[in-house]
Amino acid sequence: VLLVGIFGFMGHCFLTFALQNETAGVVSSMKAAFDIVISIIFEFVFFNSIPDYYTLGSSLLVTIAIVTLGVWKWLQT
């Protein structure tokens, strides 16, 4: 429970810092992609659950789409 609080606090600090330096659309897109990657890593580390190929493939596709959208929004500004 303590780690959840620590990681939540750090996440909010980094989110605040990112929003001070970049537009909200780009930050929210990158945060969504980062959340997917972090959740798979935490699932492996804390629950010793190895993701299957469908999980990795679908998360890779979603992450690529989100990052592409974020870069596209960033280039428009």
C-alpha atoms as a PDB file:
ATOM      1  CA  VAL A   1       0.000   0.000   0.000  1.00  0.00           C
ATOM      2  CA  LEU A   2       2.886   2.312   0.751  1.00  0.00           C
ATOM      3  CA  LEU A   3       4.365   1.769  -2.719  1.00  0.00           C
ATOM      4  CA  VAL A   4       1.048   2.710  -4.323  1.00  0.00           C
ATOM      5  CA  GLY A   5       1.130   6.026  -2.477  1.00  0.00           C
ATOM      6  CA  ILE A   6       4.756   6.679  -3.378  1.00  0.00           C
ATOM      7  CA  PHE A   7       4.284   5.855  -7.056  1.00  0.00           C
ATOM      8  CA  GLY A   8       1.049   7.852  -7.175  1.00  0.00           C
ATOM      9  CA  PHE A   9       2.776  10.887  -5.677  1.00  0.00           C
ATOM     10  CA  MET A  10       5.696  10.596  -8.099  1.00  0.00           C
ATOM     11  CA  GLY A  11       3.288  10.197 -11.018  1.00  0.00           C
ATOM     12  CA  HIS A  12       1.401  13.349 -10.094  1.00  0.00           C
ATOM     13  CA  CYS A  13       4.647  15.302  -9.671  1.00  0.00           C
ATOM     14  CA  PHE A  14       5.883  14.218 -13.101  1.00  0.00           C
ATOM     15  CA  LEU A  15       2.477  14.923 -14.651  1.00  0.00           C
ATOM     16  CA  THR A  16       2.460  18.444 -13.189  1.00  0.00           C
ATOM     17  CA  PHE A  17       5.987  19.054 -14.456  1.00  0.00           C
ATOM     18  CA  ALA A  18       5.051  17.776 -17.930  1.00  0.00           C
ATOM     19  CA  LEU A  19       1.938  19.961 -18.093  1.00  0.00           C
ATOM     20  CA  GLN A  20       4.017  23.020 -17.218  1.00  0.00           C
ATOM     21  CA  ASN A  21       6.311  22.367 -20.176  1.00  0.00           C
ATOM     22  CA  GLU A  22       4.004  20.925 -22.862  1.00  0.00           C
ATOM     23  CA  THR A  23       0.401  21.094 -24.051  1.00  0.00           C
ATOM     24  CA  ALA A  24      -2.219  18.928 -22.388  1.00  0.00           C
ATOM     25  CA  GLY A  25      -3.038  16.898 -25.507  1.00  0.00           C
ATOM     26  CA  VAL A  26       0.504  15.661 -25.977  1.00  0.00           C
ATOM     27  CA  VAL A  27       0.992  14.953 -22.279  1.00  0.00           C
ATOM     28  CA  SER A  28      -2.223  12.967 -21.946  1.00  0.00           C
ATOM     29  CA  SER A  29      -1.398  10.909 -25.041  1.00  0.00           C
ATOM     30  CA  MET A  30       2.074  10.064 -23.806  1.00  0.00           C
ATOM     31  CA  LYS A  31       0.753   9.293 -20.316  1.00  0.00           C
ATOM     32  CA  ALA A  32      -1.746   6.801 -21.736  1.00  0.00           C
ATOM     33  CA  ALA A  33       1.002   5.012 -23.672  1.00  0.00           C
ATOM     34  CA  PHE A  34       3.302   5.014 -20.647  1.00  0.00           C
ATOM     35  CA  ASP A  35       0.546   3.624 -18.390  1.00  0.00           C
ATOM     36  CA  ILE A  36       0.174   0.565 -20.612  1.00  0.00           C
ATOM     37  CA  VAL A  37       3.892  -0.199 -20.552  1.00  0.00           C
ATOM     38  CA  ILE A  38       4.201   0.358 -16.800  1.00  0.00           C
ATOM     39  CA  SER A  39       1.192  -1.838 -16.024  1.00  0.00           C
ATOM     40  CA  ILE A  40       2.708  -4.754 -17.955  1.00  0.00           C
ATOM     41  CA  ILE A  41       6.054  -4.292 -16.200  1.00  0.00           C
ATOM     42  CA  PHE A  42       4.414  -4.121 -12.760  1.00  0.00           C
ATOM     43  CA  GLU A  43       2.308  -7.181 -13.532  1.00  0.00           C
ATOM     44  CA  PHE A  44       5.479  -9.113 -14.328  1.00  0.00           C
ATOM     45  CA  VAL A  45       7.491  -7.823 -11.367  1.00  0.00           C
ATOM     46  CA  PHE A  46       4.902  -7.942  -8.589  1.00  0.00           C
ATOM     47  CA  PHE A  47       2.602 -10.780  -9.667  1.00  0.00           C
ATOM     48  CA  ASN A  48       5.160 -12.890 -11.555  1.00  0.00           C
ATOM     49  CA  SER A  49       2.722 -13.097 -14.461  1.00  0.00           C
ATOM     50  CA  ILE A  50       4.287 -13.439 -17.883  1.00  0.00           C
ATOM     51  CA  PRO A  51       2.174 -11.674 -20.530  1.00  0.00           C
ATOM     52  CA  ASP A  52       1.245 -13.731 -23.582  1.00  0.00           C
ATOM     53  CA  TYR A  53       1.793 -12.708 -27.183  1.00  0.00           C
ATOM     54  CA  TYR A  54      -1.723 -11.306 -27.528  1.00  0.00           C
ATOM     55  CA  THR A  55      -1.187  -8.972 -24.580  1.00  0.00           C
ATOM     56  CA  LEU A  56       2.184  -7.805 -25.856  1.00  0.00           C
ATOM     57  CA  GLY A  57       0.976  -7.410 -29.434  1.00  0.00           C
ATOM     58  CA  SER A  58      -2.176  -5.511 -28.575  1.00  0.00           C
ATOM     59  CA  SER A  59      -0.403  -3.242 -26.104  1.00  0.00           C
ATOM     60  CA  LEU A  60       2.279  -2.556 -28.703  1.00  0.00           C
ATOM     61  CA  LEU A  61      -0.348  -1.602 -31.290  1.00  0.00           C
ATOM     62  CA  VAL A  62      -2.185   0.672 -28.868  1.00  0.00           C
ATOM     63  CA  THR A  63       1.071   2.277 -27.699  1.00  0.00           C
ATOM     64  CA  ILE A  64       2.203   2.914 -31.282  1.00  0.00           C
ATOM     65  CA  ALA A  65      -1.161   4.483 -32.128  1.00  0.00           C
ATOM     66  CA  ILE A  66      -1.103   6.719 -29.054  1.00  0.00           C
ATOM     67  CA  VAL A  67       2.497   7.816 -29.595  1.00  0.00           C
ATOM     68  CA  THR A  68       1.777   8.519 -33.269  1.00  0.00           C
ATOM     69  CA  LEU A  69      -1.213  10.638 -32.284  1.00  0.00           C
ATOM     70  CA  GLY A  70       0.864  12.500 -29.690  1.00  0.00           C
ATOM     71  CA  VAL A  71       3.678  13.209 -32.139  1.00  0.00           C
ATOM     72  CA  TRP A  72       1.143  14.353 -34.745  1.00  0.00           C
ATOM     73  CA  LYS A  73      -0.429  16.774 -32.233  1.00  0.00           C
ATOM     74  CA  TRP A  74       3.017  17.968 -31.174  1.00  0.00           C
ATOM     75  CA  LEU A  75       4.032  18.702 -34.772  1.00  0.00           C
ATOM     76  CA  GLN A  76       0.837  20.688 -35.351  1.00  0.00           C
ATOM     77  CA  THR A  77       1.584  23.084 -32.488  1.00  0.00           C
END
